Amino acid sequence: MQFLRLDHIAYVVDEFECSLPIFEKALQVPASSVETVPGQRVDVVFLKSDPFLIEIVRPHVGNRPLQRFLKKRRSPCLHHVAFSVSDLITTIRYLEKENYKFIQTTPQTGSSGREICFLEPSCTNGVLIELCKLPDVKLIRNSAMINVIE
């Protein structure tokens, strides 16, 4: 198992309208178009901050876990840190053998159609860590991330 690189840092927000201008001004880059990720019940946008991305996540109505998370904190707030790995299944199995726990051990579909999974924060000192399969250039070229990747 090898973590190849930091993929993105994610902030969760109540709404894009107030938060995006703050990030765009601070990073001096425009946000990507909004992408809806039905399986995660969120909308996301990305901002490029070399050498990784900043993901801004807005929960859909009814996404109770993220809505509870936001209720406890101020918007925007840090939500998770993501790492790209070349083989997600092998990485999951390796970490399970090392006694790490996952929210779901079966990869889910994240933004740009990428396979993702989250480690339980209880085994990472309270930090939510997302593992992402390395991006497929063909997928990214057809996604909302295109504005920030190229």
N, C-alpha and C. Protein backbone atom coordinates (compact mmCIF):
# COMPACT_ATOMS: atom_id res chain seq x y z
N MET A 1 0.84 -1.17 0.00
CA MET A 1 0.00 0.00 0.00
C MET A 1 0.88 1.23 0.00
N GLN A 2 0.51 2.20 -0.81
CA GLN A 2 1.29 3.42 -0.90
C GLN A 2 0.36 4.60 -1.11
N PHE A 3 0.47 5.60 -0.23
CA PHE A 3 -0.24 6.85 -0.47
C PHE A 3 0.58 7.60 -1.49
N LEU A 4 -0.01 7.89 -2.60
CA LEU A 4 0.74 8.54 -3.66
C LEU A 4 0.83 10.05 -3.47
N ARG A 5 -0.25 10.65 -3.05
CA ARG A 5 -0.20 12.10 -2.86
C ARG A 5 -1.44 12.59 -2.15
N LEU A 6 -1.29 13.78 -1.60
CA LEU A 6 -2.46 14.46 -1.08
C LEU A 6 -3.35 14.79 -2.27
N ASP A 7 -4.60 14.43 -2.21
CA ASP A 7 -5.51 14.65 -3.32
C ASP A 7 -6.28 15.96 -3.15
N HIS A 8 -6.96 16.07 -2.02
CA HIS A 8 -7.69 17.31 -1.75
C HIS A 8 -7.98 17.47 -0.27
N ILE A 9 -8.29 18.69 0.08
CA ILE A 9 -8.77 19.03 1.42
C ILE A 9 -10.19 19.54 1.22
N ALA A 10 -11.12 19.03 2.02
CA ALA A 10 -12.53 19.36 1.82
C ALA A 10 -13.08 20.20 2.96
N TYR A 11 -13.82 21.22 2.56
CA TYR A 11 -14.57 22.05 3.49
C TYR A 11 -16.05 21.82 3.22
N VAL A 12 -16.84 21.83 4.27
CA VAL A 12 -18.28 21.70 4.10
C VAL A 12 -18.90 23.06 4.39
N VAL A 13 -19.91 23.41 3.60
CA VAL A 13 -20.56 24.71 3.71
C VAL A 13 -22.07 24.56 3.67
N ASP A 14 -22.76 25.54 4.25
CA ASP A 14 -24.22 25.58 4.17
C ASP A 14 -24.67 25.93 2.76
N GLU A 15 -23.95 26.87 2.15
CA GLU A 15 -24.30 27.34 0.82
C GLU A 15 -23.04 27.80 0.10
N PHE A 16 -23.06 27.70 -1.21
CA PHE A 16 -21.90 28.12 -2.01
C PHE A 16 -21.81 29.64 -2.13
N GLU A 17 -22.94 30.30 -2.19
CA GLU A 17 -22.99 31.72 -2.53
C GLU A 17 -22.13 32.59 -1.62
N CYS A 18 -22.10 32.31 -0.33
CA CYS A 18 -21.31 33.11 0.61
C CYS A 18 -19.86 32.62 0.71
N SER A 19 -19.67 31.33 0.62
CA SER A 19 -18.34 30.75 0.87
C SER A 19 -17.41 30.76 -0.34
N LEU A 20 -17.95 30.49 -1.53
CA LEU A 20 -17.07 30.39 -2.71
C LEU A 20 -16.27 31.66 -2.98
N PRO A 21 -16.88 32.85 -2.92
CA PRO A 21 -16.08 34.05 -3.18
C PRO A 21 -14.89 34.20 -2.23
N ILE A 22 -15.05 33.77 -0.99
CA ILE A 22 -13.96 33.83 -0.02
C ILE A 22 -12.80 32.96 -0.47
N PHE A 23 -13.10 31.71 -0.86
CA PHE A 23 -12.06 30.79 -1.31
C PHE A 23 -11.44 31.26 -2.63
N GLU A 24 -12.28 31.72 -3.56
CA GLU A 24 -11.76 32.17 -4.85
C GLU A 24 -10.82 33.37 -4.69
N LYS A 25 -11.18 34.27 -3.81
CA LYS A 25 -10.35 35.45 -3.57
C LYS A 25 -9.04 35.06 -2.89
N ALA A 26 -9.13 34.22 -1.87
CA ALA A 26 -7.93 33.82 -1.12
C ALA A 26 -6.95 33.04 -1.99
N LEU A 27 -7.47 32.13 -2.82
CA LEU A 27 -6.61 31.29 -3.66
C LEU A 27 -6.33 31.92 -5.02
N GLN A 28 -7.09 32.96 -5.36
CA GLN A 28 -6.96 33.66 -6.64
C GLN A 28 -7.16 32.74 -7.84
N VAL A 29 -8.14 31.85 -7.71
CA VAL A 29 -8.53 30.95 -8.80
C VAL A 29 -10.05 30.81 -8.81
N PRO A 30 -10.64 30.60 -9.99
CA PRO A 30 -12.08 30.39 -10.05
C PRO A 30 -12.45 28.96 -9.64
N ALA A 31 -13.64 28.82 -9.12
CA ALA A 31 -14.15 27.49 -8.78
C ALA A 31 -14.62 26.78 -10.03
N SER A 32 -14.59 25.46 -9.98
CA SER A 32 -15.13 24.65 -11.08
C SER A 32 -16.65 24.79 -11.09
N SER A 33 -17.27 24.21 -12.07
CA SER A 33 -18.73 24.17 -12.07
C SER A 33 -19.20 23.22 -10.97
N VAL A 34 -20.45 23.36 -10.59
CA VAL A 34 -21.03 22.52 -9.53
C VAL A 34 -21.28 21.13 -10.07
N GLU A 35 -20.87 20.13 -9.31
CA GLU A 35 -21.12 18.73 -9.65
C GLU A 35 -21.99 18.12 -8.56
N THR A 36 -23.06 17.47 -8.95
CA THR A 36 -23.91 16.75 -8.01
C THR A 36 -23.41 15.33 -7.91
N VAL A 37 -23.22 14.86 -6.67
CA VAL A 37 -22.76 13.49 -6.42
C VAL A 37 -23.90 12.79 -5.68
N PRO A 38 -24.82 12.16 -6.45
CA PRO A 38 -26.04 11.59 -5.85
C PRO A 38 -25.77 10.57 -4.76
N GLY A 39 -24.80 9.69 -4.95
CA GLY A 39 -24.53 8.65 -3.97
C GLY A 39 -24.05 9.18 -2.63
N GLN A 40 -23.47 10.37 -2.63
CA GLN A 40 -22.99 10.98 -1.39
C GLN A 40 -23.96 12.05 -0.88
N ARG A 41 -25.00 12.34 -1.68
CA ARG A 41 -26.01 13.34 -1.36
C ARG A 41 -25.41 14.71 -1.09
N VAL A 42 -24.51 15.11 -2.03
CA VAL A 42 -23.85 16.41 -1.92
C VAL A 42 -23.68 17.04 -3.30
N ASP A 43 -23.42 18.33 -3.30
CA ASP A 43 -22.93 19.06 -4.47
C ASP A 43 -21.52 19.49 -4.11
N VAL A 44 -20.63 19.47 -5.09
CA VAL A 44 -19.24 19.85 -4.83
C VAL A 44 -18.73 20.79 -5.92
N VAL A 45 -17.77 21.60 -5.55
CA VAL A 45 -16.99 22.39 -6.49
C VAL A 45 -15.53 22.25 -6.06
N PHE A 46 -14.62 22.47 -7.01
CA PHE A 46 -13.19 22.35 -6.73
C PHE A 46 -12.48 23.65 -7.07
N LEU A 47 -11.43 23.91 -6.32
CA LEU A 47 -10.52 25.01 -6.60
C LEU A 47 -9.12 24.44 -6.61
N LYS A 48 -8.33 24.84 -7.58
CA LYS A 48 -6.97 24.31 -7.68
C LYS A 48 -6.05 25.13 -6.78
N SER A 49 -5.33 24.43 -5.94
CA SER A 49 -4.33 25.04 -5.06
C SER A 49 -3.12 24.14 -5.11
N ASP A 50 -2.25 24.36 -6.11
CA ASP A 50 -1.12 23.44 -6.33
C ASP A 50 -0.42 23.11 -5.03
N PRO A 51 -0.12 21.85 -4.80
CA PRO A 51 -0.22 20.72 -5.72
C PRO A 51 -1.46 19.85 -5.50
N PHE A 52 -2.49 20.38 -4.84
CA PHE A 52 -3.70 19.60 -4.60
C PHE A 52 -4.91 20.47 -4.85
N LEU A 53 -6.08 19.90 -4.60
CA LEU A 53 -7.34 20.61 -4.80
C LEU A 53 -8.00 20.94 -3.46
N ILE A 54 -8.81 21.97 -3.48
CA ILE A 54 -9.70 22.28 -2.36
C ILE A 54 -11.10 21.90 -2.86
N GLU A 55 -11.78 21.07 -2.10
CA GLU A 55 -13.14 20.66 -2.44
C GLU A 55 -14.09 21.38 -1.49
N ILE A 56 -15.11 21.99 -2.05
CA ILE A 56 -16.15 22.63 -1.24
C ILE A 56 -17.40 21.77 -1.39
N VAL A 57 -17.91 21.31 -0.26
CA VAL A 57 -19.02 20.35 -0.23
C VAL A 57 -20.25 21.01 0.37
N ARG A 58 -21.37 20.89 -0.33
CA ARG A 58 -22.65 21.40 0.18
C ARG A 58 -23.60 20.21 0.28
N PRO A 59 -24.08 19.90 1.49
CA PRO A 59 -24.99 18.75 1.63
C PRO A 59 -26.36 19.02 1.03
N HIS A 60 -26.95 17.96 0.50
CA HIS A 60 -28.34 18.04 0.03
C HIS A 60 -29.27 18.05 1.24
N VAL A 61 -30.47 18.54 1.02
CA VAL A 61 -31.50 18.46 2.05
C VAL A 61 -31.68 16.98 2.38
N GLY A 62 -31.71 16.63 3.63
CA GLY A 62 -31.87 15.23 4.02
C GLY A 62 -30.56 14.51 4.27
N ASN A 63 -29.43 15.15 4.02
CA ASN A 63 -28.13 14.54 4.32
C ASN A 63 -27.84 14.84 5.79
N ARG A 64 -28.45 14.07 6.65
CA ARG A 64 -28.40 14.35 8.09
C ARG A 64 -26.99 14.32 8.68
N PRO A 65 -26.13 13.37 8.29
CA PRO A 65 -24.78 13.39 8.89
C PRO A 65 -24.04 14.71 8.64
N LEU A 66 -24.07 15.19 7.41
CA LEU A 66 -23.37 16.45 7.12
C LEU A 66 -24.10 17.65 7.73
N GLN A 67 -25.40 17.60 7.76
CA GLN A 67 -26.15 18.70 8.37
C GLN A 67 -25.88 18.78 9.88
N ARG A 68 -25.77 17.61 10.54
CA ARG A 68 -25.41 17.59 11.97
C ARG A 68 -24.00 18.13 12.16
N PHE A 69 -23.08 17.71 11.27
CA PHE A 69 -21.69 18.17 11.33
C PHE A 69 -21.65 19.70 11.26
N LEU A 70 -22.39 20.28 10.31
CA LEU A 70 -22.40 21.73 10.15
C LEU A 70 -23.06 22.44 11.34
N LYS A 71 -24.06 21.80 11.91
CA LYS A 71 -24.76 22.41 13.03
C LYS A 71 -23.84 22.59 14.23
N LYS A 72 -22.88 21.67 14.38
CA LYS A 72 -21.93 21.73 15.50
C LYS A 72 -20.81 22.74 15.26
N ARG A 73 -20.62 23.14 14.01
CA ARG A 73 -19.50 24.00 13.64
C ARG A 73 -20.00 25.18 12.83
N ARG A 74 -19.09 26.09 12.54
CA ARG A 74 -19.44 27.23 11.68
C ARG A 74 -19.12 26.88 10.24
N SER A 75 -19.88 27.43 9.34
CA SER A 75 -19.65 27.22 7.91
C SER A 75 -18.80 28.38 7.39
N PRO A 76 -17.78 28.11 6.60
CA PRO A 76 -17.24 26.82 6.19
C PRO A 76 -16.35 26.22 7.26
N CYS A 77 -16.23 24.91 7.25
CA CYS A 77 -15.33 24.27 8.20
C CYS A 77 -14.67 23.06 7.54
N LEU A 78 -13.48 22.75 8.02
CA LEU A 78 -12.74 21.62 7.49
C LEU A 78 -13.53 20.34 7.73
N HIS A 79 -13.65 19.51 6.69
CA HIS A 79 -14.40 18.27 6.81
C HIS A 79 -13.52 17.04 6.73
N HIS A 80 -12.69 16.95 5.67
CA HIS A 80 -11.83 15.77 5.54
C HIS A 80 -10.59 16.08 4.71
N VAL A 81 -9.63 15.17 4.81
CA VAL A 81 -8.41 15.21 4.02
C VAL A 81 -8.41 13.94 3.17
N ALA A 82 -8.10 14.08 1.88
CA ALA A 82 -8.15 12.94 0.96
C ALA A 82 -6.78 12.65 0.37
N PHE A 83 -6.49 11.35 0.25
CA PHE A 83 -5.25 10.88 -0.36
C PHE A 83 -5.58 9.99 -1.54
N SER A 84 -4.83 10.14 -2.63
CA SER A 84 -4.97 9.28 -3.80
C SER A 84 -4.12 8.04 -3.61
N VAL A 85 -4.67 6.90 -3.97
CA VAL A 85 -3.93 5.64 -3.94
C VAL A 85 -4.10 4.95 -5.28
N SER A 86 -3.11 4.18 -5.67
CA SER A 86 -3.18 3.53 -6.98
C SER A 86 -4.14 2.34 -6.98
N ASP A 87 -4.25 1.63 -5.88
CA ASP A 87 -5.12 0.46 -5.79
C ASP A 87 -5.93 0.56 -4.51
N LEU A 88 -7.16 1.01 -4.64
CA LEU A 88 -8.00 1.28 -3.47
C LEU A 88 -8.32 0.01 -2.68
N ILE A 89 -8.67 -1.06 -3.37
CA ILE A 89 -9.03 -2.31 -2.68
C ILE A 89 -7.84 -2.86 -1.89
N THR A 90 -6.67 -2.88 -2.50
CA THR A 90 -5.47 -3.36 -1.81
C THR A 90 -5.17 -2.50 -0.59
N THR A 91 -5.35 -1.19 -0.73
CA THR A 91 -5.10 -0.28 0.38
C THR A 91 -6.08 -0.53 1.52
N ILE A 92 -7.36 -0.72 1.18
CA ILE A 92 -8.37 -1.02 2.21
C ILE A 92 -7.99 -2.30 2.95
N ARG A 93 -7.66 -3.36 2.22
CA ARG A 93 -7.33 -4.65 2.85
C ARG A 93 -6.10 -4.53 3.74
N TYR A 94 -5.09 -3.79 3.27
CA TYR A 94 -3.88 -3.58 4.06
C TYR A 94 -4.21 -2.86 5.37
N LEU A 95 -4.97 -1.78 5.28
CA LEU A 95 -5.29 -1.02 6.47
C LEU A 95 -6.19 -1.81 7.43
N GLU A 96 -7.08 -2.63 6.90
CA GLU A 96 -7.90 -3.50 7.76
C GLU A 96 -7.01 -4.45 8.55
N LYS A 97 -6.00 -5.01 7.92
CA LYS A 97 -5.06 -5.90 8.62
C LYS A 97 -4.29 -5.15 9.71
N GLU A 98 -4.13 -3.85 9.52
CA GLU A 98 -3.46 -3.01 10.50
C GLU A 98 -4.44 -2.45 11.54
N ASN A 99 -5.67 -3.00 11.54
CA ASN A 99 -6.72 -2.67 12.51
C ASN A 99 -7.36 -1.30 12.33
N TYR A 100 -7.30 -0.75 11.13
CA TYR A 100 -8.04 0.47 10.84
C TYR A 100 -9.46 0.09 10.47
N LYS A 101 -10.39 0.95 10.82
CA LYS A 101 -11.81 0.73 10.54
C LYS A 101 -12.26 1.71 9.47
N PHE A 102 -13.25 1.28 8.68
CA PHE A 102 -13.79 2.10 7.60
C PHE A 102 -15.27 2.35 7.82
N ILE A 103 -15.72 3.48 7.35
CA ILE A 103 -17.16 3.77 7.39
C ILE A 103 -17.87 2.78 6.48
N GLN A 104 -17.31 2.52 5.29
CA GLN A 104 -17.77 1.46 4.39
C GLN A 104 -16.51 0.84 3.79
N THR A 105 -16.44 -0.48 3.79
CA THR A 105 -15.26 -1.13 3.22
C THR A 105 -15.42 -1.39 1.73
N THR A 106 -16.63 -1.20 1.22
CA THR A 106 -16.85 -1.29 -0.21
C THR A 106 -16.75 0.11 -0.79
N PRO A 107 -15.88 0.33 -1.78
CA PRO A 107 -15.75 1.67 -2.35
C PRO A 107 -17.08 2.21 -2.86
N GLN A 108 -17.27 3.51 -2.66
CA GLN A 108 -18.45 4.22 -3.11
C GLN A 108 -18.05 5.09 -4.30
N THR A 109 -19.02 5.64 -5.00
CA THR A 109 -18.74 6.54 -6.10
C THR A 109 -18.74 7.97 -5.59
N GLY A 110 -17.60 8.65 -5.83
CA GLY A 110 -17.46 10.04 -5.43
C GLY A 110 -17.51 10.95 -6.63
N SER A 111 -16.99 12.16 -6.48
CA SER A 111 -17.00 13.11 -7.59
C SER A 111 -16.17 12.60 -8.74
N SER A 112 -16.54 13.02 -9.92
CA SER A 112 -15.90 12.60 -11.17
C SER A 112 -15.95 11.09 -11.38
N GLY A 113 -16.85 10.40 -10.68
CA GLY A 113 -17.00 8.96 -10.85
C GLY A 113 -15.88 8.15 -10.21
N ARG A 114 -15.06 8.80 -9.39
CA ARG A 114 -13.94 8.10 -8.76
C ARG A 114 -14.40 7.22 -7.60
N GLU A 115 -13.71 6.10 -7.39
CA GLU A 115 -13.99 5.23 -6.25
C GLU A 115 -13.35 5.85 -5.02
N ILE A 116 -14.12 5.87 -3.92
CA ILE A 116 -13.65 6.46 -2.68
C ILE A 116 -14.07 5.61 -1.49
N CYS A 117 -13.42 5.81 -0.36
CA CYS A 117 -13.88 5.26 0.92
C CYS A 117 -13.31 6.12 2.03
N PHE A 118 -13.96 6.09 3.19
CA PHE A 118 -13.56 6.91 4.32
C PHE A 118 -13.15 6.04 5.49
N LEU A 119 -12.05 6.41 6.13
CA LEU A 119 -11.64 5.77 7.37
C LEU A 119 -12.47 6.32 8.51
N GLU A 120 -12.75 5.48 9.51
CA GLU A 120 -13.46 5.94 10.70
C GLU A 120 -12.57 6.94 11.43
N PRO A 121 -13.08 8.11 11.76
CA PRO A 121 -12.28 9.08 12.50
C PRO A 121 -11.78 8.57 13.85
N SER A 122 -12.48 7.60 14.41
CA SER A 122 -12.07 7.06 15.71
C SER A 122 -10.70 6.38 15.66
N CYS A 123 -10.26 5.96 14.48
CA CYS A 123 -8.94 5.30 14.38
C CYS A 123 -7.88 6.22 13.76
N THR A 124 -8.23 7.47 13.55
CA THR A 124 -7.27 8.43 12.98
C THR A 124 -7.21 9.70 13.81
N ASN A 125 -7.35 9.55 15.12
CA ASN A 125 -7.31 10.68 16.06
C ASN A 125 -8.32 11.77 15.72
N GLY A 126 -9.50 11.35 15.26
CA GLY A 126 -10.59 12.28 15.02
C GLY A 126 -10.61 12.94 13.66
N VAL A 127 -9.66 12.61 12.79
CA VAL A 127 -9.60 13.20 11.45
C VAL A 127 -10.31 12.27 10.47
N LEU A 128 -11.25 12.82 9.69
CA LEU A 128 -11.91 12.03 8.65
C LEU A 128 -10.97 12.00 7.45
N ILE A 129 -10.55 10.80 7.06
CA ILE A 129 -9.63 10.62 5.94
C ILE A 129 -10.34 9.86 4.83
N GLU A 130 -10.29 10.43 3.65
CA GLU A 130 -10.86 9.80 2.46
C GLU A 130 -9.72 9.22 1.63
N LEU A 131 -9.92 8.02 1.13
CA LEU A 131 -8.99 7.42 0.18
C LEU A 131 -9.68 7.44 -1.18
N CYS A 132 -8.96 7.89 -2.20
CA CYS A 132 -9.51 8.00 -3.55
C CYS A 132 -8.64 7.19 -4.50
N LYS A 133 -9.29 6.49 -5.40
CA LYS A 133 -8.53 5.85 -6.47
C LYS A 133 -7.92 6.95 -7.32
N LEU A 134 -6.70 6.75 -7.74
CA LEU A 134 -6.05 7.74 -8.60
C LEU A 134 -6.99 8.12 -9.73
N PRO A 135 -7.05 9.39 -10.08
CA PRO A 135 -8.00 9.81 -11.11
C PRO A 135 -7.68 9.24 -12.48
N ASP A 136 -8.74 8.92 -13.18
CA ASP A 136 -8.65 8.49 -14.57
C ASP A 136 -8.77 9.76 -15.41
N VAL A 137 -7.75 10.07 -16.16
CA VAL A 137 -7.73 11.32 -16.93
C VAL A 137 -8.97 11.45 -17.81
N LYS A 138 -9.45 10.36 -18.38
CA LYS A 138 -10.64 10.42 -19.23
C LYS A 138 -11.86 10.86 -18.42
N LEU A 139 -11.98 10.36 -17.19
CA LEU A 139 -13.11 10.75 -16.35
C LEU A 139 -13.02 12.22 -15.99
N ILE A 140 -11.84 12.67 -15.61
CA ILE A 140 -11.68 14.06 -15.19
C ILE A 140 -11.94 15.00 -16.35
N ARG A 141 -11.52 14.65 -17.54
CA ARG A 141 -11.73 15.54 -18.68
C ARG A 141 -13.21 15.76 -18.96
N ASN A 142 -14.08 14.86 -18.49
CA ASN A 142 -15.52 14.98 -18.71
C ASN A 142 -16.27 15.37 -17.44
N SER A 143 -15.57 15.96 -16.47
CA SER A 143 -16.22 16.24 -15.19
C SER A 143 -16.13 17.73 -14.84
N ALA A 144 -16.72 18.05 -13.71
CA ALA A 144 -16.66 19.41 -13.20
C ALA A 144 -15.25 19.81 -12.81
N MET A 145 -14.38 18.83 -12.60
CA MET A 145 -13.01 19.14 -12.19
C MET A 145 -12.17 19.68 -13.34
N ILE A 146 -12.66 19.57 -14.57
CA ILE A 146 -11.84 19.95 -15.74
C ILE A 146 -11.33 21.38 -15.65
N ASN A 147 -12.14 22.28 -15.11
CA ASN A 147 -11.74 23.69 -15.02
C ASN A 147 -10.54 23.91 -14.12
N VAL A 148 -10.33 23.02 -13.17
CA VAL A 148 -9.24 23.24 -12.23
C VAL A 148 -8.07 22.29 -12.44
N ILE A 149 -8.25 21.22 -13.19
CA ILE A 149 -7.18 20.25 -13.41
C ILE A 149 -6.26 20.70 -14.52
N GLU A 150 -6.83 21.22 -15.59
CA GLU A 150 -6.01 21.54 -16.76
C GLU A 150 -5.10 22.72 -16.50
